[in-house]
Amino acid sequence: MTRSTWYRDKFVLLFALGFIALQLVGCATPAKVSNMTAHVDHSLQAAPPSPYFNNISILPVTGGSETHPLWTSQVASEDFQSALESTLSSAKLLGSPEDAQYQLAATILALDQPLIGFNMTVDMTVDYLLKDKRTGKIVFGEKINSSYTGTMGDAFVGTTRLRITNEGAVRQNFDLFLKKLLKM
């Protein structure tokens, strides 16, 4: 082994260790409700002829996980529910729990995340079940898969990039849910 090869190998090793250290520098923070809320355009807003117009209430969301600061960013059930309520409100679908004809149950089935990486992709699966409270009939039931990729341009620190990527996966999931629900 030549001296230059030895230095190159040491440089690569130190670079790799430095990169891993940078990934671990920041403490993990939970996904933010405001960043998970989907930005609803006019085409996804319900209008009065729709049976769902201001007529959906949300049951407690299940399947989320709390964030541990020394591990990875997660999506808590309560935060997911708050973002879902905001999204449905923007889409003019959210009604009062007492008066709404439809009840929406959402269960987070999967939040698949990488541990480290330059580009991080989070895959999310949520099971949505919309039931007519009067008849008990299920009017919408579907598992919706979404995916979002965060890049180094989104955030340099890995824990922050993962949080941003989680938030993007939730927004994408809400967008897909609204499109499928309102096409019915």
C-alpha atoms as a PDB file:
ATOM      1  CA  MET A   1       0.000   0.000   0.000  1.00  0.00           C
ATOM      2  CA  THR A   2       1.428   3.343  -1.011  1.00  0.00           C
ATOM      3  CA  ARG A   3       1.389   6.356   1.229  1.00  0.00           C
ATOM      4  CA  SER A   4      -1.100   8.213  -1.036  1.00  0.00           C
ATOM      5  CA  THR A   5      -3.494   5.234  -1.031  1.00  0.00           C
ATOM      6  CA  TRP A   6      -3.290   5.109   2.750  1.00  0.00           C
ATOM      7  CA  TYR A   7      -4.166   8.830   3.020  1.00  0.00           C
ATOM      8  CA  ARG A   8      -7.019   8.447   0.523  1.00  0.00           C
ATOM      9  CA  ASP A   9      -8.473   5.510   2.471  1.00  0.00           C
ATOM     10  CA  LYS A  10      -8.222   7.452   5.736  1.00  0.00           C
ATOM     11  CA  PHE A  11      -9.889  10.468   4.103  1.00  0.00           C
ATOM     12  CA  VAL A  12     -12.777   8.339   2.824  1.00  0.00           C
ATOM     13  CA  LEU A  13     -13.206   6.746   6.246  1.00  0.00           C
ATOM     14  CA  LEU A  14     -13.157  10.112   8.034  1.00  0.00           C
ATOM     15  CA  PHE A  15     -15.580  11.555   5.486  1.00  0.00           C
ATOM     16  CA  ALA A  16     -17.981   8.638   6.013  1.00  0.00           C
ATOM     17  CA  LEU A  17     -17.750   8.926   9.806  1.00  0.00           C
ATOM     18  CA  GLY A  18     -18.281  12.681   9.575  1.00  0.00           C
ATOM     19  CA  PHE A  19     -21.374  12.166   7.416  1.00  0.00           C
ATOM     20  CA  ILE A  20     -22.834   9.704   9.899  1.00  0.00           C
ATOM     21  CA  ALA A  21     -22.080  12.118  12.749  1.00  0.00           C
ATOM     22  CA  LEU A  22     -23.897  14.899  10.885  1.00  0.00           C
ATOM     23  CA  GLN A  23     -26.935  12.650  10.526  1.00  0.00           C
ATOM     24  CA  LEU A  24     -26.967  12.175  14.278  1.00  0.00           C
ATOM     25  CA  VAL A  25     -26.225  15.781  15.288  1.00  0.00           C
ATOM     26  CA  GLY A  26     -29.806  16.995  15.400  1.00  0.00           C
ATOM     27  CA  CYS A  27     -32.411  15.649  17.757  1.00  0.00           C
ATOM     28  CA  ALA A  28     -35.437  14.135  16.086  1.00  0.00           C
ATOM     29  CA  THR A  29     -38.552  16.301  16.168  1.00  0.00           C
ATOM     30  CA  PRO A  30     -42.119  15.196  15.483  1.00  0.00           C
ATOM     31  CA  ALA A  31     -43.916  16.040  12.272  1.00  0.00           C
ATOM     32  CA  LYS A  32     -45.603  19.458  12.417  1.00  0.00           C
ATOM     33  CA  VAL A  33     -49.360  19.637  11.929  1.00  0.00           C
ATOM     34  CA  SER A  34     -49.138  22.771   9.780  1.00  0.00           C
ATOM     35  CA  ASN A  35     -46.666  21.078   7.416  1.00  0.00           C
ATOM     36  CA  MET A  36     -48.775  17.906   7.128  1.00  0.00           C
ATOM     37  CA  THR A  37     -51.987  19.739   6.233  1.00  0.00           C
ATOM     38  CA  ALA A  38     -52.746  19.452   2.525  1.00  0.00           C
ATOM     39  CA  HIS A  39     -53.175  22.697   0.601  1.00  0.00           C
ATOM     40  CA  VAL A  40     -56.554  22.137  -1.003  1.00  0.00           C
ATOM     41  CA  ASP A  41     -57.210  23.752  -4.364  1.00  0.00           C
ATOM     42  CA  HIS A  42     -60.696  24.708  -5.536  1.00  0.00           C
ATOM     43  CA  SER A  43     -61.114  21.492  -7.530  1.00  0.00           C
ATOM     44  CA  LEU A  44     -60.959  19.485  -4.282  1.00  0.00           C
ATOM     45  CA  GLN A  45     -63.477  21.561  -2.350  1.00  0.00           C
ATOM     46  CA  ALA A  46     -66.898  20.086  -1.790  1.00  0.00           C
ATOM     47  CA  ALA A  47     -69.923  22.073  -2.889  1.00  0.00           C
ATOM     48  CA  PRO A  48     -73.459  21.923  -1.437  1.00  0.00           C
ATOM     49  CA  PRO A  49     -74.768  19.231  -3.831  1.00  0.00           C
ATOM     50  CA  SER A  50     -72.129  16.847  -2.431  1.00  0.00           C
ATOM     51  CA  PRO A  51     -73.447  14.652   0.394  1.00  0.00           C
ATOM     52  CA  TYR A  52     -70.094  15.174   2.135  1.00  0.00           C
ATOM     53  CA  PHE A  53     -70.260  19.001   2.169  1.00  0.00           C
ATOM     54  CA  ASN A  54     -69.561  19.968   5.824  1.00  0.00           C
ATOM     55  CA  ASN A  55     -70.850  16.515   6.747  1.00  0.00           C
ATOM     56  CA  ILE A  56     -67.869  14.386   7.905  1.00  0.00           C
ATOM     57  CA  SER A  57     -66.662  13.916  11.466  1.00  0.00           C
ATOM     58  CA  ILE A  58     -63.425  12.183  12.397  1.00  0.00           C
ATOM     59  CA  LEU A  59     -63.041   9.339  14.861  1.00  0.00           C
ATOM     60  CA  PRO A  60     -59.776   9.185  16.847  1.00  0.00           C
ATOM     61  CA  VAL A  61     -56.880   8.236  14.550  1.00  0.00           C
ATOM     62  CA  THR A  62     -54.881   5.145  15.447  1.00  0.00           C
ATOM     63  CA  GLY A  63     -51.552   3.667  14.413  1.00  0.00           C
ATOM     64  CA  GLY A  64     -49.291   6.682  14.844  1.00  0.00           C
ATOM     65  CA  SER A  65     -46.098   6.776  16.911  1.00  0.00           C
ATOM     66  CA  GLU A  66     -44.614   9.377  19.207  1.00  0.00           C
ATOM     67  CA  THR A  67     -41.184  10.781  18.330  1.00  0.00           C
ATOM     68  CA  HIS A  68     -38.275   9.933  20.601  1.00  0.00           C
ATOM     69  CA  PRO A  69     -35.689  12.759  20.359  1.00  0.00           C
ATOM     70  CA  LEU A  70     -32.768  10.331  20.196  1.00  0.00           C
ATOM     71  CA  TRP A  71     -34.252   8.198  17.438  1.00  0.00           C
ATOM     72  CA  THR A  72     -36.217   9.224  14.357  1.00  0.00           C
ATOM     73  CA  SER A  73     -39.038  11.618  13.583  1.00  0.00           C
ATOM     74  CA  GLN A  74     -42.460   9.966  13.639  1.00  0.00           C
ATOM     75  CA  VAL A  75     -46.094  10.935  13.056  1.00  0.00           C
ATOM     76  CA  ALA A  76     -48.255  10.861  16.188  1.00  0.00           C
ATOM     77  CA  SER A  77     -51.910   9.844  15.865  1.00  0.00           C
ATOM     78  CA  GLU A  78     -53.094  13.119  17.434  1.00  0.00           C
ATOM     79  CA  ASP A  79     -50.986  15.242  15.069  1.00  0.00           C
ATOM     80  CA  PHE A  80     -52.154  13.235  12.050  1.00  0.00           C
ATOM     81  CA  GLN A  81     -55.761  13.740  13.182  1.00  0.00           C
ATOM     82  CA  SER A  82     -55.282  17.508  13.596  1.00  0.00           C
ATOM     83  CA  ALA A  83     -53.783  17.758  10.103  1.00  0.00           C
ATOM     84  CA  LEU A  84     -56.616  15.618   8.693  1.00  0.00           C
ATOM     85  CA  GLU A  85     -59.191  17.887  10.355  1.00  0.00           C
ATOM     86  CA  SER A  86     -57.507  20.978   8.892  1.00  0.00           C
ATOM     87  CA  THR A  87     -57.373  19.363   5.465  1.00  0.00           C
ATOM     88  CA  LEU A  88     -61.042  18.335   5.555  1.00  0.00           C
ATOM     89  CA  SER A  89     -61.984  21.803   6.780  1.00  0.00           C
ATOM     90  CA  SER A  90     -60.109  23.389   3.833  1.00  0.00           C
ATOM     91  CA  ALA A  91     -61.936  21.034   1.488  1.00  0.00           C
ATOM     92  CA  LYS A  92     -65.273  22.037   3.089  1.00  0.00           C
ATOM     93  CA  LEU A  93     -65.901  18.479   4.218  1.00  0.00           C
ATOM     94  CA  LEU A  94     -65.540  18.743   8.003  1.00  0.00           C
ATOM     95  CA  GLY A  95     -68.777  18.905   9.949  1.00  0.00           C
ATOM     96  CA  SER A  96     -69.564  18.950  13.644  1.00  0.00           C
ATOM     97  CA  PRO A  97     -69.243  15.587  15.412  1.00  0.00           C
ATOM     98  CA  GLU A  98     -72.870  15.774  16.572  1.00  0.00           C
ATOM     99  CA  ASP A  99     -74.492  16.730  13.253  1.00  0.00           C
ATOM    100  CA  ALA A 100     -72.284  15.114  10.607  1.00  0.00           C
ATOM    101  CA  GLN A 101     -73.900  12.218   8.771  1.00  0.00           C
ATOM    102  CA  TYR A 102     -70.585  10.502   8.005  1.00  0.00           C
ATOM    103  CA  GLN A 103     -67.832   9.277  10.329  1.00  0.00           C
ATOM    104  CA  LEU A 104     -64.278   8.883   9.077  1.00  0.00           C
ATOM    105  CA  ALA A 105     -61.918   6.404  10.695  1.00  0.00           C
ATOM    106  CA  ALA A 106     -58.247   6.616   9.703  1.00  0.00           C
ATOM    107  CA  THR A 107     -55.595   4.109  10.730  1.00  0.00           C
ATOM    108  CA  ILE A 108     -51.911   4.618   9.972  1.00  0.00           C
ATOM    109  CA  LEU A 109     -50.842   1.151   8.836  1.00  0.00           C
ATOM    110  CA  ALA A 110     -47.252   1.883   7.811  1.00  0.00           C
ATOM    111  CA  LEU A 111     -44.678   4.647   7.832  1.00  0.00           C
ATOM    112  CA  ASP A 112     -41.610   3.141   6.188  1.00  0.00           C
ATOM    113  CA  GLN A 113     -38.548   5.335   6.669  1.00  0.00           C
ATOM    114  CA  PRO A 114     -34.852   5.116   5.905  1.00  0.00           C
ATOM    115  CA  LEU A 115     -32.369   5.538   8.737  1.00  0.00           C
ATOM    116  CA  ILE A 116     -29.887   7.654   6.770  1.00  0.00           C
ATOM    117  CA  GLY A 117     -29.330   8.849   3.245  1.00  0.00           C
ATOM    118  CA  PHE A 118     -28.847  11.807   0.947  1.00  0.00           C
ATOM    119  CA  ASN A 119     -32.302  11.386  -0.577  1.00  0.00           C
ATOM    120  CA  MET A 120     -34.812   9.924   1.844  1.00  0.00           C
ATOM    121  CA  THR A 121     -38.067   8.368   0.705  1.00  0.00           C
ATOM    122  CA  VAL A 122     -40.889   7.719   3.150  1.00  0.00           C
ATOM    123  CA  ASP A 123     -43.714   5.391   2.147  1.00  0.00           C
ATOM    124  CA  MET A 124     -46.980   5.665   4.036  1.00  0.00           C
ATOM    125  CA  THR A 125     -50.134   3.537   4.071  1.00  0.00           C
ATOM    126  CA  VAL A 126     -53.341   4.752   5.688  1.00  0.00           C
ATOM    127  CA  ASP A 127     -56.608   2.848   5.869  1.00  0.00           C
ATOM    128  CA  TYR A 128     -59.611   5.185   5.479  1.00  0.00           C
ATOM    129  CA  LEU A 129     -63.122   4.033   6.300  1.00  0.00           C
ATOM    130  CA  LEU A 130     -66.082   6.401   5.833  1.00  0.00           C
ATOM    131  CA  LYS A 131     -69.364   5.221   7.295  1.00  0.00           C
ATOM    132  CA  ASP A 132     -72.882   6.614   7.116  1.00  0.00           C
ATOM    133  CA  LYS A 133     -73.911   7.022  10.802  1.00  0.00           C
ATOM    134  CA  ARG A 134     -77.615   6.641  10.033  1.00  0.00           C
ATOM    135  CA  THR A 135     -77.471   3.423   8.025  1.00  0.00           C
ATOM    136  CA  GLY A 136     -74.163   1.971   9.215  1.00  0.00           C
ATOM    137  CA  LYS A 137     -73.205   1.451   5.566  1.00  0.00           C
ATOM    138  CA  ILE A 138     -69.556   1.887   4.570  1.00  0.00           C
ATOM    139  CA  VAL A 139     -69.533   4.404   1.719  1.00  0.00           C
ATOM    140  CA  PHE A 140     -65.752   4.558   1.246  1.00  0.00           C
ATOM    141  CA  GLY A 141     -63.110   2.107   2.357  1.00  0.00           C
ATOM    142  CA  GLU A 142     -59.625   2.089   0.940  1.00  0.00           C
ATOM    143  CA  LYS A 143     -55.983   1.750   1.894  1.00  0.00           C
ATOM    144  CA  ILE A 144     -54.099   4.673   0.379  1.00  0.00           C
ATOM    145  CA  ASN A 145     -50.366   4.479  -0.276  1.00  0.00           C
ATOM    146  CA  SER A 146     -48.257   7.588  -0.661  1.00  0.00           C
ATOM    147  CA  SER A 147     -44.589   8.281  -1.092  1.00  0.00           C
ATOM    148  CA  TYR A 148     -42.460  11.386  -0.711  1.00  0.00           C
ATOM    149  CA  THR A 149     -38.743  11.950  -1.216  1.00  0.00           C
ATOM    150  CA  GLY A 150     -36.789  14.563   0.706  1.00  0.00           C
ATOM    151  CA  THR A 151     -33.429  15.712  -0.622  1.00  0.00           C
ATOM    152  CA  MET A 152     -30.350  17.457   0.729  1.00  0.00           C
ATOM    153  CA  GLY A 153     -31.881  20.643  -0.711  1.00  0.00           C
ATOM    154  CA  ASP A 154     -34.757  20.335   1.758  1.00  0.00           C
ATOM    155  CA  ALA A 155     -32.491  20.095   4.799  1.00  0.00           C
ATOM    156  CA  PHE A 156     -28.841  19.274   5.350  1.00  0.00           C
ATOM    157  CA  VAL A 157     -29.311  17.592   8.749  1.00  0.00           C
ATOM    158  CA  GLY A 158     -30.738  14.102   8.334  1.00  0.00           C
ATOM    159  CA  THR A 159     -33.194  14.243  11.241  1.00  0.00           C
ATOM    160  CA  THR A 160     -34.734  17.430   9.863  1.00  0.00           C
ATOM    161  CA  ARG A 161     -34.842  15.991   6.333  1.00  0.00           C
ATOM    162  CA  LEU A 162     -36.664  12.911   7.653  1.00  0.00           C
ATOM    163  CA  ARG A 163     -39.247  15.077   9.460  1.00  0.00           C
ATOM    164  CA  ILE A 164     -39.859  17.080   6.272  1.00  0.00           C
ATOM    165  CA  THR A 165     -40.169  13.848   4.294  1.00  0.00           C
ATOM    166  CA  ASN A 166     -42.689  12.422   6.802  1.00  0.00           C
ATOM    167  CA  GLU A 167     -44.756  15.594   6.485  1.00  0.00           C
ATOM    168  CA  GLY A 168     -44.666  15.337   2.690  1.00  0.00           C
ATOM    169  CA  ALA A 169     -45.816  11.702   2.769  1.00  0.00           C
ATOM    170  CA  VAL A 170     -48.804  12.684   4.936  1.00  0.00           C
ATOM    171  CA  ARG A 171     -49.733  15.602   2.617  1.00  0.00           C
ATOM    172  CA  GLN A 172     -49.527  13.298  -0.404  1.00  0.00           C
ATOM    173  CA  ASN A 173     -51.724  10.765   1.374  1.00  0.00           C
ATOM    174  CA  PHE A 174     -54.368  13.407   2.132  1.00  0.00           C
ATOM    175  CA  ASP A 175     -54.302  14.621  -1.491  1.00  0.00           C
ATOM    176  CA  LEU A 176     -54.847  11.091  -2.801  1.00  0.00           C
ATOM    177  CA  PHE A 177     -57.624  10.458  -0.280  1.00  0.00           C
ATOM    178  CA  LEU A 178     -59.495  13.655  -1.219  1.00  0.00           C
ATOM    179  CA  LYS A 179     -59.208  12.957  -4.952  1.00  0.00           C
ATOM    180  CA  LYS A 180     -60.596   9.433  -4.550  1.00  0.00           C
ATOM    181  CA  LEU A 181     -63.356  10.475  -2.147  1.00  0.00           C
ATOM    182  CA  LEU A 182     -64.603  13.361  -4.254  1.00  0.00           C
ATOM    183  CA  LYS A 183     -64.533  11.343  -7.500  1.00  0.00           C
ATOM    184  CA  MET A 184     -67.121   8.934  -6.094  1.00  0.00           C
END
